[in-house]
């Protein structure tokens, strides 16, 4: 049977990022930061949610809702390009946040 000696345990913990020195606490890593990405369903979102997208203010958000009401649900994300005021730049800036 494998026996964990204090030395092996210290090495194992250090490889996982734990600080094994007595009396110290691990410091948060500044190497990685993660932003929480909120998805916006363009077939269900209200003005406030749509306005959270880059390049979409209240007027464009309202235009999206009006287009959706008049034409039915968006079938693809690219269908947003049919909304007046929404271009490739706005679409590409939000491609990771938009869902249908």
PDB file of N, CA and C in Angstrom:
ATOM      1  N   UNK A   1       0.840  -1.171   0.000  1.00  0.00           N
ATOM      2  CA  UNK A   1       0.000   0.000   0.000  1.00  0.00           C
ATOM      3  C   UNK A   1       0.885   1.234   0.000  1.00  0.00           C
ATOM      4  N   UNK A   2       0.476   2.267  -0.695  1.00  0.00           N
ATOM      5  CA  UNK A   2       1.224   3.511  -0.809  1.00  0.00           C
ATOM      6  C   UNK A   2       1.012   4.347   0.445  1.00  0.00           C
ATOM      7  N   UNK A   3       2.106   4.824   1.036  1.00  0.00           N
ATOM      8  CA  UNK A   3       2.035   5.622   2.259  1.00  0.00           C
ATOM      9  C   UNK A   3       2.406   7.063   1.950  1.00  0.00           C
ATOM     10  N   UNK A   4       1.517   7.989   2.357  1.00  0.00           N
ATOM     11  CA  UNK A   4       1.785   9.407   2.141  1.00  0.00           C
ATOM     12  C   UNK A   4       2.658   9.937   3.266  1.00  0.00           C
ATOM     13  N   UNK A   5       3.883  10.216   2.941  1.00  0.00           N
ATOM     14  CA  UNK A   5       4.753  10.835   3.922  1.00  0.00           C
ATOM     15  C   UNK A   5       4.529  12.337   3.857  1.00  0.00           C
ATOM     16  N   UNK A   6       4.898  13.067   4.898  1.00  0.00           N
ATOM     17  CA  UNK A   6       4.716  14.519   4.854  1.00  0.00           C
ATOM     18  C   UNK A   6       5.394  15.168   3.643  1.00  0.00           C
ATOM     19  N   UNK A   7       6.527  14.642   3.234  1.00  0.00           N
ATOM     20  CA  UNK A   7       7.230  15.191   2.080  1.00  0.00           C
ATOM     21  C   UNK A   7       6.420  14.999   0.799  1.00  0.00           C
ATOM     22  N   UNK A   8       5.921  13.778   0.593  1.00  0.00           N
ATOM     23  CA  UNK A   8       5.129  13.497  -0.607  1.00  0.00           C
ATOM     24  C   UNK A   8       3.836  14.295  -0.586  1.00  0.00           C
ATOM     25  N   UNK A   9       3.215  14.414   0.590  1.00  0.00           N
ATOM     26  CA  UNK A   9       1.990  15.194   0.713  1.00  0.00           C
ATOM     27  C   UNK A   9       2.256  16.662   0.375  1.00  0.00           C
ATOM     28  N   UNK A  10       3.371  17.208   0.841  1.00  0.00           N
ATOM     29  CA  UNK A  10       3.718  18.599   0.548  1.00  0.00           C
ATOM     30  C   UNK A  10       3.935  18.806  -0.948  1.00  0.00           C
ATOM     31  N   UNK A  11       4.585  17.867  -1.603  1.00  0.00           N
ATOM     32  CA  UNK A  11       4.798  17.965  -3.048  1.00  0.00           C
ATOM     33  C   UNK A  11       3.461  17.884  -3.778  1.00  0.00           C
ATOM     34  N   UNK A  12       2.621  16.941  -3.385  1.00  0.00           N
ATOM     35  CA  UNK A  12       1.321  16.788  -4.043  1.00  0.00           C
ATOM     36  C   UNK A  12       0.482  18.048  -3.887  1.00  0.00           C
ATOM     37  N   UNK A  13       0.459  18.607  -2.707  1.00  0.00           N
ATOM     38  CA  UNK A  13      -0.319  19.826  -2.482  1.00  0.00           C
ATOM     39  C   UNK A  13       0.260  21.011  -3.242  1.00  0.00           C
ATOM     40  N   UNK A  14       1.568  21.100  -3.321  1.00  0.00           N
ATOM     41  CA  UNK A  14       2.165  22.223  -4.043  1.00  0.00           C
ATOM     42  C   UNK A  14       1.881  22.136  -5.535  1.00  0.00           C
ATOM     43  N   UNK A  15       1.778  20.926  -6.064  1.00  0.00           N
ATOM     44  CA  UNK A  15       1.458  20.752  -7.479  1.00  0.00           C
ATOM     45  C   UNK A  15       0.022  21.159  -7.782  1.00  0.00           C
ATOM     46  N   UNK A  16      -0.841  21.098  -6.789  1.00  0.00           N
ATOM     47  CA  UNK A  16      -2.238  21.484  -6.988  1.00  0.00           C
ATOM     48  C   UNK A  16      -2.470  22.951  -6.700  1.00  0.00           C
ATOM     49  N   UNK A  17      -1.430  23.678  -6.286  1.00  0.00           N
ATOM     50  CA  UNK A  17      -1.568  25.114  -6.058  1.00  0.00           C
ATOM     51  C   UNK A  17      -1.770  25.496  -4.607  1.00  0.00           C
ATOM     52  N   UNK A  18      -1.813  24.529  -3.706  1.00  0.00           N
ATOM     53  CA  UNK A  18      -1.969  24.846  -2.293  1.00  0.00           C
ATOM     54  C   UNK A  18      -0.642  25.321  -1.729  1.00  0.00           C
ATOM     55  N   UNK A  19      -0.709  26.290  -0.862  1.00  0.00           N
ATOM     56  CA  UNK A  19       0.473  26.775  -0.170  1.00  0.00           C
ATOM     57  C   UNK A  19       0.603  25.956   1.099  1.00  0.00           C
ATOM     58  N   UNK A  20       1.672  25.188   1.231  1.00  0.00           N
ATOM     59  CA  UNK A  20       1.811  24.258   2.339  1.00  0.00           C
ATOM     60  C   UNK A  20       2.629  24.816   3.488  1.00  0.00           C
ATOM     61  N   UNK A  21       3.026  26.049   3.432  1.00  0.00           N
ATOM     62  CA  UNK A  21       3.808  26.629   4.501  1.00  0.00           C
ATOM     63  C   UNK A  21       2.904  27.007   5.662  1.00  0.00           C
ATOM     64  N   UNK A  22       3.307  26.659   6.866  1.00  0.00           N
ATOM     65  CA  UNK A  22       2.485  26.907   8.051  1.00  0.00           C
ATOM     66  C   UNK A  22       2.265  28.405   8.252  1.00  0.00           C
ATOM     67  N   UNK A  23       1.059  28.744   8.617  1.00  0.00           N
ATOM     68  CA  UNK A  23       0.753  30.123   8.952  1.00  0.00           C
ATOM     69  C   UNK A  23       0.478  31.019   7.774  1.00  0.00           C
ATOM     70  N   UNK A  24       0.503  30.529   6.566  1.00  0.00           N
ATOM     71  CA  UNK A  24       0.241  31.376   5.414  1.00  0.00           C
ATOM     72  C   UNK A  24      -1.030  30.922   4.723  1.00  0.00           C
ATOM     73  N   UNK A  25      -1.622  31.831   4.007  1.00  0.00           N
ATOM     74  CA  UNK A  25      -2.830  31.499   3.259  1.00  0.00           C
ATOM     75  C   UNK A  25      -2.537  31.642   1.777  1.00  0.00           C
ATOM     76  N   UNK A  26      -3.201  30.863   0.974  1.00  0.00           N
ATOM     77  CA  UNK A  26      -2.973  30.973  -0.466  1.00  0.00           C
ATOM     78  C   UNK A  26      -3.413  32.342  -0.974  1.00  0.00           C
ATOM     79  N   UNK A  27      -2.628  32.886  -1.863  1.00  0.00           N
ATOM     80  CA  UNK A  27      -2.969  34.169  -2.467  1.00  0.00           C
ATOM     81  C   UNK A  27      -3.746  33.911  -3.749  1.00  0.00           C
ATOM     82  N   UNK A  28      -4.736  34.758  -4.017  1.00  0.00           N
ATOM     83  CA  UNK A  28      -5.473  34.575  -5.269  1.00  0.00           C
ATOM     84  C   UNK A  28      -4.558  34.762  -6.465  1.00  0.00           C
ATOM     85  N   UNK A  29      -4.774  33.965  -7.467  1.00  0.00           N
ATOM     86  CA  UNK A  29      -3.972  34.055  -8.674  1.00  0.00           C
ATOM     87  C   UNK A  29      -4.407  35.248  -9.503  1.00  0.00           C
ATOM     88  N   UNK A  30      -3.462  36.072  -9.904  1.00  0.00           N
ATOM     89  CA  UNK A  30      -3.788  37.203 -10.759  1.00  0.00           C
ATOM     90  C   UNK A  30      -3.576  36.856 -12.233  1.00  0.00           C
ATOM     91  N   UNK A  31      -3.122  35.640 -12.490  1.00  0.00           N
ATOM     92  CA  UNK A  31      -2.885  35.228 -13.869  1.00  0.00           C
ATOM     93  C   UNK A  31      -4.181  35.069 -14.651  1.00  0.00           C
ATOM     94  N   UNK A  32      -5.201  34.573 -13.978  1.00  0.00           N
ATOM     95  CA  UNK A  32      -6.440  34.254 -14.676  1.00  0.00           C
ATOM     96  C   UNK A  32      -7.592  35.037 -14.084  1.00  0.00           C
ATOM     97  N   UNK A  33      -8.309  35.691 -14.933  1.00  0.00           N
ATOM     98  CA  UNK A  33      -9.550  36.316 -14.511  1.00  0.00           C
ATOM     99  C   UNK A  33     -10.640  35.811 -15.434  1.00  0.00           C
ATOM    100  N   UNK A  34     -11.773  35.600 -14.870  1.00  0.00           N
ATOM    101  CA  UNK A  34     -12.878  35.060 -15.630  1.00  0.00           C
ATOM    102  C   UNK A  34     -14.074  35.993 -15.513  1.00  0.00           C
ATOM    103  N   UNK A  35     -14.604  36.411 -16.619  1.00  0.00           N
ATOM    104  CA  UNK A  35     -15.803  37.225 -16.634  1.00  0.00           C
ATOM    105  C   UNK A  35     -16.996  36.303 -16.779  1.00  0.00           C
ATOM    106  N   UNK A  36     -18.005  36.597 -15.999  1.00  0.00           N
ATOM    107  CA  UNK A  36     -19.240  35.852 -16.136  1.00  0.00           C
ATOM    108  C   UNK A  36     -19.946  36.391 -17.368  1.00  0.00           C
ATOM    109  N   UNK A  37     -20.231  35.518 -18.286  1.00  0.00           N
ATOM    110  CA  UNK A  37     -20.875  35.914 -19.534  1.00  0.00           C
ATOM    111  C   UNK A  37     -22.348  35.561 -19.447  1.00  0.00           C
ATOM    112  N   UNK A  38     -23.178  36.573 -19.544  1.00  0.00           N
ATOM    113  CA  UNK A  38     -24.616  36.358 -19.510  1.00  0.00           C
ATOM    114  C   UNK A  38     -25.127  36.237 -20.937  1.00  0.00           C
ATOM    115  N   UNK A  39     -25.797  35.150 -21.196  1.00  0.00           N
ATOM    116  CA  UNK A  39     -26.373  34.906 -22.508  1.00  0.00           C
ATOM    117  C   UNK A  39     -27.671  35.695 -22.645  1.00  0.00           C
ATOM    118  N   UNK A  40     -27.922  36.191 -23.833  1.00  0.00           N
ATOM    119  CA  UNK A  40     -29.149  36.928 -24.118  1.00  0.00           C
ATOM    120  C   UNK A  40     -29.870  36.201 -25.248  1.00  0.00           C
ATOM    121  N   UNK A  41     -31.049  35.700 -24.934  1.00  0.00           N
ATOM    122  CA  UNK A  41     -31.877  35.023 -25.934  1.00  0.00           C
ATOM    123  C   UNK A  41     -32.650  36.102 -26.682  1.00  0.00           C
ATOM    124  N   UNK A  42     -32.304  36.314 -27.939  1.00  0.00           N
ATOM    125  CA  UNK A  42     -32.911  37.411 -28.703  1.00  0.00           C
ATOM    126  C   UNK A  42     -34.371  37.154 -29.040  1.00  0.00           C
ATOM    127  N   UNK A  43     -34.852  35.933 -28.823  1.00  0.00           N
ATOM    128  CA  UNK A  43     -36.263  35.635 -29.058  1.00  0.00           C
ATOM    129  C   UNK A  43     -37.124  35.869 -27.822  1.00  0.00           C
ATOM    130  N   UNK A  44     -36.500  36.094 -26.683  1.00  0.00           N
ATOM    131  CA  UNK A  44     -37.250  36.262 -25.446  1.00  0.00           C
ATOM    132  C   UNK A  44     -36.860  37.501 -24.653  1.00  0.00           C
ATOM    133  N   UNK A  45     -35.723  38.095 -24.937  1.00  0.00           N
ATOM    134  CA  UNK A  45     -35.186  39.172 -24.117  1.00  0.00           C
ATOM    135  C   UNK A  45     -36.027  40.439 -24.181  1.00  0.00           C
ATOM    136  N   UNK A  46     -36.040  41.145 -23.058  1.00  0.00           N
ATOM    137  CA  UNK A  46     -36.706  42.437 -22.999  1.00  0.00           C
ATOM    138  C   UNK A  46     -35.700  43.534 -23.345  1.00  0.00           C
ATOM    139  N   UNK A  47     -36.155  44.784 -23.324  1.00  0.00           N
ATOM    140  CA  UNK A  47     -35.299  45.917 -23.691  1.00  0.00           C
ATOM    141  C   UNK A  47     -34.063  45.979 -22.804  1.00  0.00           C
ATOM    142  N   UNK A  48     -34.234  45.769 -21.524  1.00  0.00           N
ATOM    143  CA  UNK A  48     -33.109  45.853 -20.589  1.00  0.00           C
ATOM    144  C   UNK A  48     -32.038  44.812 -20.907  1.00  0.00           C
ATOM    145  N   UNK A  49     -32.457  43.581 -21.135  1.00  0.00           N
ATOM    146  CA  UNK A  49     -31.498  42.510 -21.450  1.00  0.00           C
ATOM    147  C   UNK A  49     -30.803  42.761 -22.779  1.00  0.00           C
ATOM    148  N   UNK A  50     -31.565  43.151 -23.781  1.00  0.00           N
ATOM    149  CA  UNK A  50     -30.969  43.431 -25.091  1.00  0.00           C
ATOM    150  C   UNK A  50     -30.001  44.605 -25.017  1.00  0.00           C
ATOM    151  N   UNK A  51     -30.304  45.585 -24.174  1.00  0.00           N
ATOM    152  CA  UNK A  51     -29.441  46.759 -24.029  1.00  0.00           C
ATOM    153  C   UNK A  51     -28.111  46.426 -23.361  1.00  0.00           C
ATOM    154  N   UNK A  52     -28.025  45.255 -22.741  1.00  0.00           N
ATOM    155  CA  UNK A  52     -26.760  44.859 -22.111  1.00  0.00           C
ATOM    156  C   UNK A  52     -25.731  44.400 -23.143  1.00  0.00           C
ATOM    157  N   UNK A  53     -26.174  44.189 -24.369  1.00  0.00           N
ATOM    158  CA  UNK A  53     -25.253  43.784 -25.437  1.00  0.00           C
ATOM    159  C   UNK A  53     -24.448  44.989 -25.911  1.00  0.00           C
ATOM    160  N   UNK A  54     -23.227  44.739 -26.350  1.00  0.00           N
ATOM    161  CA  UNK A  54     -22.352  45.808 -26.842  1.00  0.00           C
ATOM    162  C   UNK A  54     -22.941  46.442 -28.092  1.00  0.00           C
ATOM    163  N   UNK A  55     -23.033  47.777 -28.078  1.00  0.00           N
ATOM    164  CA  UNK A  55     -23.515  48.499 -29.245  1.00  0.00           C
ATOM    165  C   UNK A  55     -25.028  48.532 -29.376  1.00  0.00           C
ATOM    166  N   UNK A  56     -25.729  47.993 -28.376  1.00  0.00           N
ATOM    167  CA  UNK A  56     -27.192  47.986 -28.403  1.00  0.00           C
ATOM    168  C   UNK A  56     -27.699  48.888 -27.285  1.00  0.00           C
ATOM    169  N   UNK A  57     -28.293  49.990 -27.673  1.00  0.00           N
ATOM    170  CA  UNK A  57     -28.934  50.862 -26.698  1.00  0.00           C
ATOM    171  C   UNK A  57     -30.415  50.564 -26.642  1.00  0.00           C
ATOM    172  N   UNK A  58     -31.154  51.392 -25.935  1.00  0.00           N
ATOM    173  CA  UNK A  58     -32.592  51.162 -25.796  1.00  0.00           C
ATOM    174  C   UNK A  58     -33.327  51.214 -27.135  1.00  0.00           C
ATOM    175  N   UNK A  59     -32.928  52.140 -28.011  1.00  0.00           N
ATOM    176  CA  UNK A  59     -33.616  52.254 -29.306  1.00  0.00           C
ATOM    177  C   UNK A  59     -33.397  51.020 -30.175  1.00  0.00           C
ATOM    178  N   UNK A  60     -32.163  50.537 -30.231  1.00  0.00           N
ATOM    179  CA  UNK A  60     -31.899  49.330 -31.034  1.00  0.00           C
ATOM    180  C   UNK A  60     -32.555  48.112 -30.393  1.00  0.00           C
ATOM    181  N   UNK A  61     -32.572  48.072 -29.071  1.00  0.00           N
ATOM    182  CA  UNK A  61     -33.238  46.971 -28.381  1.00  0.00           C
ATOM    183  C   UNK A  61     -34.728  46.962 -28.722  1.00  0.00           C
ATOM    184  N   UNK A  62     -35.333  48.134 -28.733  1.00  0.00           N
ATOM    185  CA  UNK A  62     -36.741  48.237 -29.080  1.00  0.00           C
ATOM    186  C   UNK A  62     -36.971  47.833 -30.539  1.00  0.00           C
ATOM    187  N   UNK A  63     -36.028  48.197 -31.414  1.00  0.00           N
ATOM    188  CA  UNK A  63     -36.124  47.813 -32.827  1.00  0.00           C
ATOM    189  C   UNK A  63     -36.052  46.293 -32.978  1.00  0.00           C
ATOM    190  N   UNK A  64     -35.231  45.634 -32.166  1.00  0.00           N
ATOM    191  CA  UNK A  64     -35.133  44.169 -32.200  1.00  0.00           C
ATOM    192  C   UNK A  64     -36.470  43.552 -31.795  1.00  0.00           C
ATOM    193  N   UNK A  65     -37.064  44.078 -30.735  1.00  0.00           N
ATOM    194  CA  UNK A  65     -38.349  43.556 -30.262  1.00  0.00           C
ATOM    195  C   UNK A  65     -39.442  43.792 -31.303  1.00  0.00           C
ATOM    196  N   UNK A  66     -39.450  44.965 -31.907  1.00  0.00           N
ATOM    197  CA  UNK A  66     -40.451  45.265 -32.939  1.00  0.00           C
ATOM    198  C   UNK A  66     -40.288  44.353 -34.152  1.00  0.00           C
ATOM    199  N   UNK A  67     -39.045  44.123 -34.559  1.00  0.00           N
ATOM    200  CA  UNK A  67     -38.781  43.213 -35.686  1.00  0.00           C
ATOM    201  C   UNK A  67     -39.274  41.802 -35.342  1.00  0.00           C
ATOM    202  N   UNK A  68     -38.955  41.369 -34.140  1.00  0.00           N
ATOM    203  CA  UNK A  68     -39.340  40.036 -33.682  1.00  0.00           C
ATOM    204  C   UNK A  68     -40.869  39.898 -33.634  1.00  0.00           C
ATOM    205  N   UNK A  69     -41.539  40.941 -33.186  1.00  0.00           N
ATOM    206  CA  UNK A  69     -42.999  40.925 -33.116  1.00  0.00           C
ATOM    207  C   UNK A  69     -43.617  40.865 -34.506  1.00  0.00           C
ATOM    208  N   UNK A  70     -43.054  41.625 -35.436  1.00  0.00           N
ATOM    209  CA  UNK A  70     -43.603  41.684 -36.801  1.00  0.00           C
ATOM    210  C   UNK A  70     -43.261  40.455 -37.639  1.00  0.00           C
ATOM    211  N   UNK A  71     -42.102  39.854 -37.405  1.00  0.00           N
ATOM    212  CA  UNK A  71     -41.607  38.791 -38.286  1.00  0.00           C
ATOM    213  C   UNK A  71     -41.501  37.414 -37.632  1.00  0.00           C
ATOM    214  N   UNK A  72     -41.784  37.316 -36.380  1.00  0.00           N
ATOM    215  CA  UNK A  72     -41.647  36.038 -35.680  1.00  0.00           C
ATOM    216  C   UNK A  72     -40.239  35.871 -35.116  1.00  0.00           C
ATOM    217  N   UNK A  73     -40.033  34.744 -34.486  1.00  0.00           N
ATOM    218  CA  UNK A  73     -38.745  34.470 -33.839  1.00  0.00           C
ATOM    219  C   UNK A  73     -37.597  34.447 -34.845  1.00  0.00           C
ATOM    220  N   UNK A  74     -36.434  34.865 -34.350  1.00  0.00           N
ATOM    221  CA  UNK A  74     -35.214  34.772 -35.142  1.00  0.00           C
ATOM    222  C   UNK A  74     -34.860  33.295 -35.275  1.00  0.00           C
ATOM    223  N   UNK A  75     -34.495  32.887 -36.456  1.00  0.00           N
ATOM    224  CA  UNK A  75     -34.125  31.491 -36.690  1.00  0.00           C
ATOM    225  C   UNK A  75     -32.624  31.278 -36.518  1.00  0.00           C
ATOM    226  N   UNK A  76     -31.848  32.311 -36.837  1.00  0.00           N
ATOM    227  CA  UNK A  76     -30.398  32.268 -36.640  1.00  0.00           C
ATOM    228  C   UNK A  76     -29.954  33.597 -36.042  1.00  0.00           C
ATOM    229  N   UNK A  77     -28.798  33.617 -35.498  1.00  0.00           N
ATOM    230  CA  UNK A  77     -28.238  34.855 -34.947  1.00  0.00           C
ATOM    231  C   UNK A  77     -28.022  35.876 -36.060  1.00  0.00           C
ATOM    232  N   UNK A  78     -27.658  35.400 -37.245  1.00  0.00           N
ATOM    233  CA  UNK A  78     -27.429  36.286 -38.393  1.00  0.00           C
ATOM    234  C   UNK A  78     -28.691  37.038 -38.810  1.00  0.00           C
ATOM    235  N   UNK A  79     -29.863  36.541 -38.420  1.00  0.00           N
ATOM    236  CA  UNK A  79     -31.107  37.240 -38.735  1.00  0.00           C
ATOM    237  C   UNK A  79     -31.163  38.621 -38.086  1.00  0.00           C
ATOM    238  N   UNK A  80     -30.364  38.845 -37.062  1.00  0.00           N
ATOM    239  CA  UNK A  80     -30.304  40.177 -36.430  1.00  0.00           C
ATOM    240  C   UNK A  80     -29.868  41.245 -37.421  1.00  0.00           C
ATOM    241  N   UNK A  81     -29.129  40.848 -38.440  1.00  0.00           N
ATOM    242  CA  UNK A  81     -28.663  41.797 -39.444  1.00  0.00           C
ATOM    243  C   UNK A  81     -29.818  42.420 -40.224  1.00  0.00           C
ATOM    244  N   UNK A  82     -30.992  41.807 -40.150  1.00  0.00           N
ATOM    245  CA  UNK A  82     -32.173  42.348 -40.815  1.00  0.00           C
ATOM    246  C   UNK A  82     -32.780  43.530 -40.052  1.00  0.00           C
ATOM    247  N   UNK A  83     -32.388  43.687 -38.798  1.00  0.00           N
ATOM    248  CA  UNK A  83     -32.905  44.779 -37.974  1.00  0.00           C
ATOM    249  C   UNK A  83     -32.137  46.054 -38.306  1.00  0.00           C
ATOM    250  N   UNK A  84     -32.877  47.115 -38.590  1.00  0.00           N
ATOM    251  CA  UNK A  84     -32.243  48.384 -38.926  1.00  0.00           C
ATOM    252  C   UNK A  84     -31.350  48.843 -37.771  1.00  0.00           C
ATOM    253  N   UNK A  85     -30.107  49.173 -38.116  1.00  0.00           N
ATOM    254  CA  UNK A  85     -29.146  49.640 -37.116  1.00  0.00           C
ATOM    255  C   UNK A  85     -28.234  48.571 -36.564  1.00  0.00           C
ATOM    256  N   UNK A  86     -28.488  47.321 -36.924  1.00  0.00           N
ATOM    257  CA  UNK A  86     -27.625  46.219 -36.476  1.00  0.00           C
ATOM    258  C   UNK A  86     -26.774  45.788 -37.661  1.00  0.00           C
ATOM    259  N   UNK A  87     -25.473  45.929 -37.505  1.00  0.00           N
ATOM    260  CA  UNK A  87     -24.558  45.546 -38.572  1.00  0.00           C
ATOM    261  C   UNK A  87     -23.599  44.461 -38.118  1.00  0.00           C
ATOM    262  N   UNK A  88     -22.714  44.114 -39.015  1.00  0.00           N
ATOM    263  CA  UNK A  88     -21.722  43.060 -38.752  1.00  0.00           C
ATOM    264  C   UNK A  88     -20.891  43.360 -37.505  1.00  0.00           C
ATOM    265  N   UNK A  89     -20.518  44.618 -37.308  1.00  0.00           N
ATOM    266  CA  UNK A  89     -19.667  44.995 -36.180  1.00  0.00           C
ATOM    267  C   UNK A  89     -20.365  44.691 -34.852  1.00  0.00           C
ATOM    268  N   UNK A  90     -21.623  45.078 -34.747  1.00  0.00           N
ATOM    269  CA  UNK A  90     -22.382  44.826 -33.518  1.00  0.00           C
ATOM    270  C   UNK A  90     -22.587  43.327 -33.332  1.00  0.00           C
ATOM    271  N   UNK A  91     -22.921  42.641 -34.397  1.00  0.00           N
ATOM    272  CA  UNK A  91     -23.152  41.201 -34.320  1.00  0.00           C
ATOM    273  C   UNK A  91     -21.890  40.464 -33.873  1.00  0.00           C
ATOM    274  N   UNK A  92     -20.763  40.783 -34.476  1.00  0.00           N
ATOM    275  CA  UNK A  92     -19.517  40.090 -34.126  1.00  0.00           C
ATOM    276  C   UNK A  92     -19.054  40.422 -32.714  1.00  0.00           C
ATOM    277  N   UNK A  93     -19.382  41.610 -32.214  1.00  0.00           N
ATOM    278  CA  UNK A  93     -18.997  41.982 -30.850  1.00  0.00           C
ATOM    279  C   UNK A  93     -19.788  41.198 -29.818  1.00  0.00           C
ATOM    280  N   UNK A  94     -20.919  40.644 -30.218  1.00  0.00           N
ATOM    281  CA  UNK A  94     -21.794  39.959 -29.275  1.00  0.00           C
ATOM    282  C   UNK A  94     -22.021  38.492 -29.571  1.00  0.00           C
ATOM    283  N   UNK A  95     -21.345  37.952 -30.524  1.00  0.00           N
ATOM    284  CA  UNK A  95     -21.633  36.601 -30.993  1.00  0.00           C
ATOM    285  C   UNK A  95     -21.561  35.558 -29.857  1.00  0.00           C
ATOM    286  N   UNK A  96     -20.740  35.742 -28.894  1.00  0.00           N
ATOM    287  CA  UNK A  96     -20.627  34.792 -27.792  1.00  0.00           C
ATOM    288  C   UNK A  96     -21.708  34.931 -26.740  1.00  0.00           C
ATOM    289  N   UNK A  97     -22.459  36.002 -26.803  1.00  0.00           N
ATOM    290  CA  UNK A  97     -23.495  36.256 -25.792  1.00  0.00           C
ATOM    291  C   UNK A  97     -24.908  36.055 -26.310  1.00  0.00           C
ATOM    292  N   UNK A  98     -25.084  35.954 -27.613  1.00  0.00           N
ATOM    293  CA  UNK A  98     -26.422  35.879 -28.185  1.00  0.00           C
ATOM    294  C   UNK A  98     -26.820  34.425 -28.383  1.00  0.00           C
ATOM    295  N   UNK A  99     -28.034  34.120 -27.948  1.00  0.00           N
ATOM    296  CA  UNK A  99     -28.614  32.804 -28.210  1.00  0.00           C
ATOM    297  C   UNK A  99     -29.999  32.987 -28.830  1.00  0.00           C
ATOM    298  N   UNK A 100     -30.493  31.897 -29.418  1.00  0.00           N
ATOM    299  CA  UNK A 100     -31.856  31.948 -29.971  1.00  0.00           C
ATOM    300  C   UNK A 100     -32.687  30.851 -29.332  1.00  0.00           C
TER     301      UNK A 100
END
